[in-house]
Amino acid sequence: MVRLSLSVVAKVCLLAMLLVANAPAGAVQSGDPAPEWELTNAEGEEIVFPAHAGSAPAVLFFWATWCPYCHAVMPYLDTIRTDYAAADVNVYAINFKDDGDPVAHMEELGYDFVVLPLGDLVADDYGVWGAPGLLVVDGKGTVIYRRGDTQAPPGTAIAEQWDREIRSALDKSLGR
């Protein structure tokens, strides 16, 4: 029979409580309904999500001008945007945690995403604390993909992995 001392059990319980307390509370996961939001885009128009997406799936890209991972994945997201244009898929580039000028930065880079410069509160609603936040929301308003944590360095390899994962989620949502 294994006997554990009271101090070992207490330490394990304390560790478990600390782990639970430090877990991201309220983070939206796959299978959860996507929280609704309203933001002003770069052109000054109000974008209400998910109504703006209609019945098409959408990619939510939480990004910052200073983020090397964001810069690595942007060309792939732009290709996704063009490859899935016939299915009305939009990439919503929701800027957060940024002191730069996201509109000018995106214009300089030449990507044609739906640019939303003031997305800090939306990031909070989705439980996105690190950039890039990548989610796919299906045409019914359900999150079907959320990027997991990575230890990979920024660059082509991780961007290609995220590209494959996003495309897989979009294809599944579109019945391909």
N, C-alpha and C. Protein backbone atom coordinates (compact mmCIF):
# COMPACT_ATOMS: atom_id res chain seq x y z
N MET A 1 0.84 -1.17 0.00
CA MET A 1 0.00 0.00 0.00
C MET A 1 0.89 1.25 0.00
N VAL A 2 0.55 2.23 -0.83
CA VAL A 2 1.31 3.47 -0.91
C VAL A 2 0.71 4.46 0.06
N ARG A 3 1.58 5.05 0.86
CA ARG A 3 1.11 6.06 1.82
C ARG A 3 1.77 7.38 1.48
N LEU A 4 0.97 8.39 1.33
CA LEU A 4 1.49 9.72 1.06
C LEU A 4 1.40 10.56 2.33
N SER A 5 2.42 11.29 2.56
CA SER A 5 2.39 12.16 3.73
C SER A 5 1.43 13.32 3.46
N LEU A 6 0.94 13.90 4.51
CA LEU A 6 0.02 15.02 4.39
C LEU A 6 0.69 16.19 3.70
N SER A 7 1.99 16.40 3.92
CA SER A 7 2.67 17.54 3.29
C SER A 7 2.79 17.33 1.78
N VAL A 8 2.96 16.11 1.31
CA VAL A 8 3.04 15.84 -0.13
C VAL A 8 1.68 16.12 -0.77
N VAL A 9 0.61 15.63 -0.15
CA VAL A 9 -0.74 15.86 -0.67
C VAL A 9 -1.04 17.36 -0.69
N ALA A 10 -0.67 18.08 0.34
CA ALA A 10 -0.91 19.52 0.41
C ALA A 10 -0.14 20.24 -0.70
N LYS A 11 1.10 19.83 -0.95
CA LYS A 11 1.90 20.46 -2.01
C LYS A 11 1.31 20.20 -3.38
N VAL A 12 0.84 18.99 -3.62
CA VAL A 12 0.22 18.67 -4.90
C VAL A 12 -1.06 19.50 -5.09
N CYS A 13 -1.86 19.61 -4.05
CA CYS A 13 -3.09 20.41 -4.13
C CYS A 13 -2.77 21.88 -4.39
N LEU A 14 -1.76 22.40 -3.72
CA LEU A 14 -1.36 23.80 -3.92
C LEU A 14 -0.89 24.01 -5.35
N LEU A 15 -0.09 23.10 -5.87
CA LEU A 15 0.39 23.21 -7.25
C LEU A 15 -0.78 23.18 -8.22
N ALA A 16 -1.72 22.29 -8.02
CA ALA A 16 -2.90 22.21 -8.89
C ALA A 16 -3.70 23.51 -8.86
N MET A 17 -3.87 24.09 -7.68
CA MET A 17 -4.61 25.35 -7.57
C MET A 17 -3.88 26.47 -8.29
N LEU A 18 -2.55 26.52 -8.18
CA LEU A 18 -1.78 27.55 -8.87
C LEU A 18 -1.89 27.41 -10.38
N LEU A 19 -1.85 26.18 -10.88
CA LEU A 19 -1.97 25.96 -12.31
C LEU A 19 -3.33 26.40 -12.82
N VAL A 20 -4.37 26.08 -12.12
CA VAL A 20 -5.72 26.48 -12.52
C VAL A 20 -5.86 27.99 -12.45
N ALA A 21 -5.30 28.62 -11.43
CA ALA A 21 -5.41 30.06 -11.27
C ALA A 21 -4.68 30.81 -12.38
N ASN A 22 -3.61 30.22 -12.94
CA ASN A 22 -2.83 30.88 -13.97
C ASN A 22 -3.28 30.52 -15.38
N ALA A 23 -4.25 29.65 -15.54
CA ALA A 23 -4.76 29.30 -16.87
C ALA A 23 -5.55 30.48 -17.41
N PRO A 24 -5.50 30.71 -18.73
CA PRO A 24 -6.24 31.82 -19.30
C PRO A 24 -7.74 31.62 -19.13
N ALA A 25 -8.33 32.40 -18.28
CA ALA A 25 -9.76 32.28 -18.01
C ALA A 25 -10.54 32.89 -19.17
N GLY A 26 -11.54 32.20 -19.61
CA GLY A 26 -12.43 32.76 -20.62
C GLY A 26 -11.89 32.73 -22.03
N ALA A 27 -10.78 32.06 -22.28
CA ALA A 27 -10.26 32.00 -23.64
C ALA A 27 -11.23 31.21 -24.51
N VAL A 28 -11.59 31.80 -25.64
CA VAL A 28 -12.49 31.14 -26.58
C VAL A 28 -11.73 30.00 -27.25
N GLN A 29 -12.35 28.83 -27.27
CA GLN A 29 -11.72 27.64 -27.85
C GLN A 29 -12.55 27.11 -29.01
N SER A 30 -11.98 26.17 -29.75
CA SER A 30 -12.73 25.50 -30.82
C SER A 30 -14.01 24.90 -30.23
N GLY A 31 -15.11 25.11 -30.93
CA GLY A 31 -16.40 24.62 -30.48
C GLY A 31 -17.22 25.68 -29.76
N ASP A 32 -16.57 26.77 -29.34
CA ASP A 32 -17.28 27.85 -28.66
C ASP A 32 -17.90 28.81 -29.68
N PRO A 33 -19.00 29.46 -29.30
CA PRO A 33 -19.53 30.51 -30.17
C PRO A 33 -18.55 31.69 -30.18
N ALA A 34 -18.38 32.29 -31.34
CA ALA A 34 -17.50 33.45 -31.46
C ALA A 34 -18.20 34.66 -30.84
N PRO A 35 -17.55 35.33 -29.88
CA PRO A 35 -18.16 36.54 -29.33
C PRO A 35 -18.41 37.58 -30.42
N GLU A 36 -19.53 38.24 -30.32
CA GLU A 36 -19.84 39.31 -31.27
C GLU A 36 -19.04 40.55 -30.90
N TRP A 37 -18.70 41.35 -31.91
CA TRP A 37 -17.99 42.59 -31.68
C TRP A 37 -18.31 43.60 -32.77
N GLU A 38 -18.01 44.83 -32.47
CA GLU A 38 -18.17 45.93 -33.43
C GLU A 38 -16.94 46.81 -33.34
N LEU A 39 -16.28 46.98 -34.48
CA LEU A 39 -15.08 47.82 -34.56
C LEU A 39 -15.15 48.69 -35.81
N THR A 40 -14.41 49.77 -35.79
CA THR A 40 -14.30 50.64 -36.96
C THR A 40 -13.09 50.22 -37.77
N ASN A 41 -13.29 50.01 -39.08
CA ASN A 41 -12.17 49.59 -39.92
C ASN A 41 -11.32 50.79 -40.33
N ALA A 42 -10.30 50.54 -41.13
CA ALA A 42 -9.36 51.58 -41.55
C ALA A 42 -10.02 52.68 -42.36
N GLU A 43 -11.14 52.37 -43.00
CA GLU A 43 -11.86 53.36 -43.81
C GLU A 43 -12.92 54.11 -43.00
N GLY A 44 -13.05 53.82 -41.72
CA GLY A 44 -14.02 54.49 -40.88
C GLY A 44 -15.39 53.84 -40.84
N GLU A 45 -15.54 52.67 -41.46
CA GLU A 45 -16.82 51.96 -41.47
C GLU A 45 -16.92 51.06 -40.25
N GLU A 46 -18.14 50.96 -39.72
CA GLU A 46 -18.39 50.05 -38.60
C GLU A 46 -18.52 48.63 -39.12
N ILE A 47 -17.76 47.73 -38.54
CA ILE A 47 -17.81 46.32 -38.89
C ILE A 47 -18.39 45.59 -37.70
N VAL A 48 -19.50 44.90 -37.91
CA VAL A 48 -20.14 44.11 -36.87
C VAL A 48 -19.92 42.64 -37.22
N PHE A 49 -19.28 41.94 -36.31
CA PHE A 49 -18.97 40.53 -36.54
C PHE A 49 -19.77 39.67 -35.57
N PRO A 50 -20.34 38.57 -36.01
CA PRO A 50 -20.14 37.87 -37.27
C PRO A 50 -21.07 38.29 -38.41
N ALA A 51 -21.95 39.26 -38.19
CA ALA A 51 -22.90 39.65 -39.24
C ALA A 51 -22.17 40.05 -40.53
N HIS A 52 -21.05 40.75 -40.42
CA HIS A 52 -20.30 41.19 -41.59
C HIS A 52 -19.85 40.01 -42.45
N ALA A 53 -19.55 38.89 -41.82
CA ALA A 53 -19.09 37.71 -42.56
C ALA A 53 -20.23 36.99 -43.26
N GLY A 54 -21.47 37.29 -42.88
CA GLY A 54 -22.60 36.58 -43.46
C GLY A 54 -22.55 35.11 -43.10
N SER A 55 -22.77 34.27 -44.06
CA SER A 55 -22.73 32.83 -43.80
C SER A 55 -21.40 32.20 -44.21
N ALA A 56 -20.41 33.05 -44.50
CA ALA A 56 -19.09 32.55 -44.90
C ALA A 56 -18.19 32.39 -43.68
N PRO A 57 -17.28 31.42 -43.74
CA PRO A 57 -16.28 31.35 -42.67
C PRO A 57 -15.36 32.57 -42.73
N ALA A 58 -14.68 32.85 -41.63
CA ALA A 58 -13.79 34.00 -41.55
C ALA A 58 -12.54 33.65 -40.75
N VAL A 59 -11.47 34.35 -41.07
CA VAL A 59 -10.21 34.21 -40.33
C VAL A 59 -10.05 35.47 -39.48
N LEU A 60 -9.86 35.28 -38.17
CA LEU A 60 -9.56 36.39 -37.27
C LEU A 60 -8.07 36.34 -36.98
N PHE A 61 -7.40 37.44 -37.29
CA PHE A 61 -5.95 37.56 -37.17
C PHE A 61 -5.64 38.71 -36.22
N PHE A 62 -5.32 38.35 -34.97
CA PHE A 62 -4.95 39.35 -33.97
C PHE A 62 -3.44 39.58 -34.11
N TRP A 63 -3.06 40.83 -34.40
CA TRP A 63 -1.68 41.10 -34.77
C TRP A 63 -1.20 42.44 -34.20
N ALA A 64 0.11 42.65 -34.32
CA ALA A 64 0.73 43.91 -33.93
C ALA A 64 1.87 44.22 -34.90
N THR A 65 2.15 45.50 -35.07
CA THR A 65 3.19 45.91 -36.03
C THR A 65 4.58 45.40 -35.63
N TRP A 66 4.80 45.17 -34.35
CA TRP A 66 6.10 44.76 -33.83
C TRP A 66 6.30 43.24 -33.84
N CYS A 67 5.32 42.47 -34.24
CA CYS A 67 5.31 41.02 -34.07
C CYS A 67 5.96 40.29 -35.26
N PRO A 68 7.11 39.63 -35.06
CA PRO A 68 7.74 38.90 -36.17
C PRO A 68 6.93 37.69 -36.65
N TYR A 69 6.20 37.04 -35.75
CA TYR A 69 5.35 35.92 -36.17
C TYR A 69 4.23 36.42 -37.09
N CYS A 70 3.69 37.59 -36.76
CA CYS A 70 2.63 38.19 -37.58
C CYS A 70 3.14 38.47 -38.98
N HIS A 71 4.32 39.05 -39.06
CA HIS A 71 4.89 39.36 -40.38
C HIS A 71 5.16 38.09 -41.18
N ALA A 72 5.56 37.02 -40.49
CA ALA A 72 5.84 35.76 -41.19
C ALA A 72 4.57 35.15 -41.77
N VAL A 73 3.45 35.27 -41.06
CA VAL A 73 2.22 34.61 -41.52
C VAL A 73 1.39 35.49 -42.48
N MET A 74 1.64 36.78 -42.52
CA MET A 74 0.83 37.67 -43.37
C MET A 74 0.78 37.27 -44.84
N PRO A 75 1.89 36.93 -45.48
CA PRO A 75 1.78 36.53 -46.90
C PRO A 75 0.90 35.30 -47.09
N TYR A 76 0.93 34.38 -46.15
CA TYR A 76 0.09 33.18 -46.23
C TYR A 76 -1.38 33.54 -46.05
N LEU A 77 -1.67 34.43 -45.13
CA LEU A 77 -3.05 34.87 -44.94
C LEU A 77 -3.57 35.60 -46.17
N ASP A 78 -2.69 36.36 -46.83
CA ASP A 78 -3.09 37.06 -48.04
C ASP A 78 -3.41 36.07 -49.15
N THR A 79 -2.63 35.01 -49.25
CA THR A 79 -2.90 33.96 -50.24
C THR A 79 -4.20 33.23 -49.90
N ILE A 80 -4.43 32.97 -48.63
CA ILE A 80 -5.70 32.37 -48.20
C ILE A 80 -6.85 33.27 -48.62
N ARG A 81 -6.70 34.57 -48.38
CA ARG A 81 -7.75 35.53 -48.74
C ARG A 81 -8.09 35.44 -50.22
N THR A 82 -7.08 35.38 -51.07
CA THR A 82 -7.35 35.31 -52.51
C THR A 82 -7.84 33.92 -52.93
N ASP A 83 -7.27 32.86 -52.35
CA ASP A 83 -7.68 31.50 -52.71
C ASP A 83 -9.12 31.20 -52.31
N TYR A 84 -9.61 31.83 -51.26
CA TYR A 84 -10.96 31.55 -50.76
C TYR A 84 -11.93 32.71 -51.04
N ALA A 85 -11.53 33.63 -51.92
CA ALA A 85 -12.38 34.80 -52.22
C ALA A 85 -13.73 34.37 -52.80
N ALA A 86 -13.75 33.35 -53.62
CA ALA A 86 -15.01 32.89 -54.22
C ALA A 86 -15.99 32.40 -53.16
N ALA A 87 -15.47 31.99 -52.01
CA ALA A 87 -16.33 31.54 -50.89
C ALA A 87 -16.62 32.69 -49.92
N ASP A 88 -16.23 33.91 -50.30
CA ASP A 88 -16.47 35.12 -49.49
C ASP A 88 -15.75 35.12 -48.14
N VAL A 89 -14.63 34.40 -48.06
CA VAL A 89 -13.85 34.37 -46.81
C VAL A 89 -13.08 35.69 -46.68
N ASN A 90 -13.22 36.32 -45.53
CA ASN A 90 -12.45 37.52 -45.21
C ASN A 90 -11.42 37.21 -44.14
N VAL A 91 -10.33 37.96 -44.17
CA VAL A 91 -9.34 37.94 -43.10
C VAL A 91 -9.50 39.26 -42.36
N TYR A 92 -9.89 39.17 -41.09
CA TYR A 92 -10.06 40.34 -40.24
C TYR A 92 -8.77 40.54 -39.45
N ALA A 93 -8.01 41.58 -39.80
CA ALA A 93 -6.73 41.87 -39.15
C ALA A 93 -7.00 42.81 -37.97
N ILE A 94 -7.11 42.22 -36.79
CA ILE A 94 -7.50 42.95 -35.58
C ILE A 94 -6.23 43.31 -34.82
N ASN A 95 -5.87 44.58 -34.86
CA ASN A 95 -4.64 45.04 -34.22
C ASN A 95 -4.86 45.20 -32.72
N PHE A 96 -3.85 44.79 -31.93
CA PHE A 96 -3.93 44.92 -30.47
C PHE A 96 -2.53 45.02 -29.90
N LYS A 97 -2.46 45.52 -28.66
CA LYS A 97 -1.17 45.65 -27.95
C LYS A 97 -0.13 46.35 -28.80
N ASP A 98 -0.50 47.49 -29.37
CA ASP A 98 0.36 48.13 -30.35
C ASP A 98 0.36 49.64 -30.16
N ASP A 99 1.55 50.22 -30.19
CA ASP A 99 1.68 51.68 -30.16
C ASP A 99 1.98 52.24 -31.54
N GLY A 100 2.15 51.36 -32.53
CA GLY A 100 2.45 51.80 -33.89
C GLY A 100 1.20 52.26 -34.61
N ASP A 101 1.35 52.51 -35.90
CA ASP A 101 0.22 52.91 -36.75
C ASP A 101 -0.15 51.71 -37.62
N PRO A 102 -1.12 50.90 -37.16
CA PRO A 102 -1.44 49.67 -37.89
C PRO A 102 -1.99 49.91 -39.29
N VAL A 103 -2.71 50.99 -39.49
CA VAL A 103 -3.29 51.27 -40.81
C VAL A 103 -2.18 51.59 -41.80
N ALA A 104 -1.29 52.51 -41.42
CA ALA A 104 -0.17 52.86 -42.30
C ALA A 104 0.73 51.66 -42.54
N HIS A 105 0.96 50.88 -41.48
CA HIS A 105 1.82 49.71 -41.59
C HIS A 105 1.24 48.70 -42.59
N MET A 106 -0.05 48.43 -42.49
CA MET A 106 -0.68 47.47 -43.40
C MET A 106 -0.70 48.01 -44.83
N GLU A 107 -0.95 49.32 -44.98
CA GLU A 107 -0.91 49.93 -46.32
C GLU A 107 0.48 49.80 -46.93
N GLU A 108 1.49 50.02 -46.10
CA GLU A 108 2.88 49.90 -46.56
C GLU A 108 3.18 48.46 -47.01
N LEU A 109 2.65 47.49 -46.30
CA LEU A 109 2.89 46.09 -46.65
C LEU A 109 2.06 45.64 -47.85
N GLY A 110 0.95 46.33 -48.10
CA GLY A 110 0.15 46.06 -49.29
C GLY A 110 -0.85 44.92 -49.17
N TYR A 111 -1.20 44.51 -47.97
CA TYR A 111 -2.18 43.44 -47.81
C TYR A 111 -3.58 44.03 -47.76
N ASP A 112 -4.52 43.30 -48.34
CA ASP A 112 -5.89 43.79 -48.45
C ASP A 112 -6.82 43.07 -47.47
N PHE A 113 -6.44 43.10 -46.20
CA PHE A 113 -7.28 42.52 -45.16
C PHE A 113 -8.29 43.55 -44.70
N VAL A 114 -9.28 43.12 -43.95
CA VAL A 114 -10.17 44.05 -43.26
C VAL A 114 -9.39 44.49 -42.02
N VAL A 115 -8.83 45.69 -42.07
CA VAL A 115 -7.94 46.18 -41.01
C VAL A 115 -8.76 46.89 -39.94
N LEU A 116 -8.59 46.42 -38.72
CA LEU A 116 -9.33 46.95 -37.57
C LEU A 116 -8.30 47.40 -36.53
N PRO A 117 -8.02 48.71 -36.47
CA PRO A 117 -6.89 49.19 -35.69
C PRO A 117 -7.04 49.18 -34.17
N LEU A 118 -8.21 49.13 -33.63
CA LEU A 118 -8.37 49.25 -32.18
C LEU A 118 -9.05 48.01 -31.60
N GLY A 119 -8.34 46.89 -31.58
CA GLY A 119 -8.95 45.63 -31.22
C GLY A 119 -8.62 45.07 -29.85
N ASP A 120 -8.07 45.88 -28.95
CA ASP A 120 -7.66 45.37 -27.64
C ASP A 120 -8.81 44.71 -26.87
N LEU A 121 -9.97 45.35 -26.86
CA LEU A 121 -11.09 44.79 -26.10
C LEU A 121 -11.62 43.50 -26.74
N VAL A 122 -11.57 43.43 -28.06
CA VAL A 122 -11.99 42.21 -28.75
C VAL A 122 -11.02 41.08 -28.43
N ALA A 123 -9.72 41.40 -28.44
CA ALA A 123 -8.72 40.39 -28.07
C ALA A 123 -8.99 39.87 -26.66
N ASP A 124 -9.33 40.77 -25.75
CA ASP A 124 -9.67 40.36 -24.38
C ASP A 124 -10.89 39.43 -24.38
N ASP A 125 -11.92 39.78 -25.17
CA ASP A 125 -13.13 38.95 -25.23
C ASP A 125 -12.85 37.54 -25.74
N TYR A 126 -11.86 37.43 -26.63
CA TYR A 126 -11.50 36.13 -27.19
C TYR A 126 -10.42 35.42 -26.37
N GLY A 127 -9.87 36.11 -25.38
CA GLY A 127 -8.81 35.51 -24.58
C GLY A 127 -7.51 35.41 -25.35
N VAL A 128 -7.25 36.36 -26.23
CA VAL A 128 -6.01 36.40 -26.99
C VAL A 128 -5.06 37.35 -26.29
N TRP A 129 -3.95 36.79 -25.78
CA TRP A 129 -2.98 37.62 -25.06
C TRP A 129 -1.65 37.70 -25.78
N GLY A 130 -1.41 36.80 -26.73
CA GLY A 130 -0.17 36.80 -27.47
C GLY A 130 -0.42 36.88 -28.96
N ALA A 131 0.50 37.53 -29.66
CA ALA A 131 0.37 37.67 -31.10
C ALA A 131 1.26 36.65 -31.81
N PRO A 132 0.78 36.09 -32.91
CA PRO A 132 -0.53 36.35 -33.48
C PRO A 132 -1.60 35.44 -32.89
N GLY A 133 -2.76 36.00 -32.74
CA GLY A 133 -3.93 35.19 -32.46
C GLY A 133 -4.54 34.81 -33.79
N LEU A 134 -4.76 33.55 -34.00
CA LEU A 134 -5.35 33.07 -35.26
C LEU A 134 -6.53 32.18 -34.94
N LEU A 135 -7.70 32.57 -35.45
CA LEU A 135 -8.90 31.77 -35.26
C LEU A 135 -9.66 31.68 -36.57
N VAL A 136 -10.36 30.59 -36.75
CA VAL A 136 -11.29 30.46 -37.87
C VAL A 136 -12.67 30.29 -37.27
N VAL A 137 -13.60 31.09 -37.78
CA VAL A 137 -14.99 31.03 -37.35
C VAL A 137 -15.81 30.56 -38.55
N ASP A 138 -16.62 29.52 -38.35
CA ASP A 138 -17.41 29.01 -39.46
C ASP A 138 -18.58 29.94 -39.77
N GLY A 139 -19.32 29.61 -40.80
CA GLY A 139 -20.43 30.44 -41.24
C GLY A 139 -21.61 30.49 -40.29
N LYS A 140 -21.57 29.65 -39.25
CA LYS A 140 -22.63 29.65 -38.24
C LYS A 140 -22.21 30.40 -36.98
N GLY A 141 -20.99 30.97 -36.99
CA GLY A 141 -20.53 31.75 -35.84
C GLY A 141 -19.83 30.94 -34.77
N THR A 142 -19.36 29.74 -35.11
CA THR A 142 -18.66 28.89 -34.14
C THR A 142 -17.17 28.88 -34.46
N VAL A 143 -16.36 29.01 -33.42
CA VAL A 143 -14.92 28.92 -33.60
C VAL A 143 -14.58 27.47 -33.92
N ILE A 144 -13.89 27.26 -35.04
CA ILE A 144 -13.54 25.89 -35.44
C ILE A 144 -12.02 25.67 -35.44
N TYR A 145 -11.27 26.74 -35.21
CA TYR A 145 -9.80 26.62 -35.13
C TYR A 145 -9.28 27.76 -34.27
N ARG A 146 -8.33 27.43 -33.41
CA ARG A 146 -7.60 28.43 -32.64
C ARG A 146 -6.14 27.98 -32.60
N ARG A 147 -5.26 28.89 -32.96
CA ARG A 147 -3.84 28.57 -32.97
C ARG A 147 -3.39 28.20 -31.57
N GLY A 148 -2.62 27.12 -31.48
CA GLY A 148 -2.07 26.71 -30.20
C GLY A 148 -0.75 27.41 -29.93
N ASP A 149 -0.24 27.21 -28.74
CA ASP A 149 1.06 27.77 -28.37
C ASP A 149 2.15 27.14 -29.21
N THR A 150 3.25 27.86 -29.36
CA THR A 150 4.38 27.33 -30.12
C THR A 150 5.68 27.72 -29.44
N GLN A 151 6.65 26.87 -29.59
CA GLN A 151 8.02 27.16 -29.18
C GLN A 151 8.89 27.38 -30.41
N ALA A 152 8.29 27.26 -31.60
CA ALA A 152 9.04 27.42 -32.84
C ALA A 152 9.42 28.89 -33.02
N PRO A 153 10.57 29.12 -33.63
CA PRO A 153 10.95 30.51 -33.91
C PRO A 153 10.09 31.09 -35.03
N PRO A 154 9.99 32.43 -35.09
CA PRO A 154 9.23 33.02 -36.19
C PRO A 154 9.90 32.69 -37.51
N GLY A 155 9.10 32.53 -38.55
CA GLY A 155 9.66 32.25 -39.86
C GLY A 155 8.75 31.41 -40.71
N THR A 156 9.30 30.94 -41.80
CA THR A 156 8.54 30.21 -42.81
C THR A 156 7.93 28.92 -42.28
N ALA A 157 8.69 28.15 -41.51
CA ALA A 157 8.20 26.83 -41.08
C ALA A 157 6.92 26.95 -40.26
N ILE A 158 6.90 27.83 -39.28
CA ILE A 158 5.70 27.96 -38.44
C ILE A 158 4.57 28.61 -39.22
N ALA A 159 4.89 29.56 -40.09
CA ALA A 159 3.86 30.21 -40.90
C ALA A 159 3.20 29.20 -41.84
N GLU A 160 4.00 28.30 -42.41
CA GLU A 160 3.43 27.26 -43.28
C GLU A 160 2.56 26.29 -42.49
N GLN A 161 2.96 25.98 -41.28
CA GLN A 161 2.13 25.11 -40.44
C GLN A 161 0.78 25.76 -40.17
N TRP A 162 0.78 27.03 -39.77
CA TRP A 162 -0.48 27.73 -39.51
C TRP A 162 -1.33 27.83 -40.77
N ASP A 163 -0.68 28.06 -41.93
CA ASP A 163 -1.38 28.11 -43.20
C ASP A 163 -2.13 26.79 -43.44
N ARG A 164 -1.45 25.66 -43.24
CA ARG A 164 -2.08 24.35 -43.43
C ARG A 164 -3.26 24.17 -42.47
N GLU A 165 -3.07 24.56 -41.22
CA GLU A 165 -4.14 24.38 -40.22
C GLU A 165 -5.36 25.25 -40.55
N ILE A 166 -5.12 26.49 -40.95
CA ILE A 166 -6.22 27.40 -41.29
C ILE A 166 -6.96 26.88 -42.52
N ARG A 167 -6.21 26.48 -43.53
CA ARG A 167 -6.83 25.95 -44.76
C ARG A 167 -7.65 24.69 -44.46
N SER A 168 -7.14 23.83 -43.60
CA SER A 168 -7.87 22.62 -43.24
C SER A 168 -9.20 22.98 -42.58
N ALA A 169 -9.18 23.95 -41.67
CA ALA A 169 -10.41 24.38 -41.00
C ALA A 169 -11.38 25.01 -41.99
N LEU A 170 -10.87 25.85 -42.89
CA LEU A 170 -11.74 26.47 -43.89
C LEU A 170 -12.34 25.41 -44.81
N ASP A 171 -11.50 24.48 -45.27
CA ASP A 171 -12.01 23.43 -46.17
C ASP A 171 -13.09 22.59 -45.49
N LYS A 172 -12.88 22.26 -44.22
CA LYS A 172 -13.88 21.49 -43.47
C LYS A 172 -15.18 22.29 -43.37
N SER A 173 -15.05 23.59 -43.07
CA SER A 173 -16.24 24.43 -42.94
C SER A 173 -17.00 24.56 -44.26
N LEU A 174 -16.25 24.56 -45.36
CA LEU A 174 -16.85 24.72 -46.68
C LEU A 174 -17.25 23.39 -47.31
N GLY A 175 -17.01 22.29 -46.60
CA GLY A 175 -17.39 20.98 -47.10
C GLY A 175 -16.52 20.49 -48.24
N ARG A 176 -15.27 20.91 -48.24
CA ARG A 176 -14.35 20.49 -49.32
C ARG A 176 -13.58 19.25 -48.93
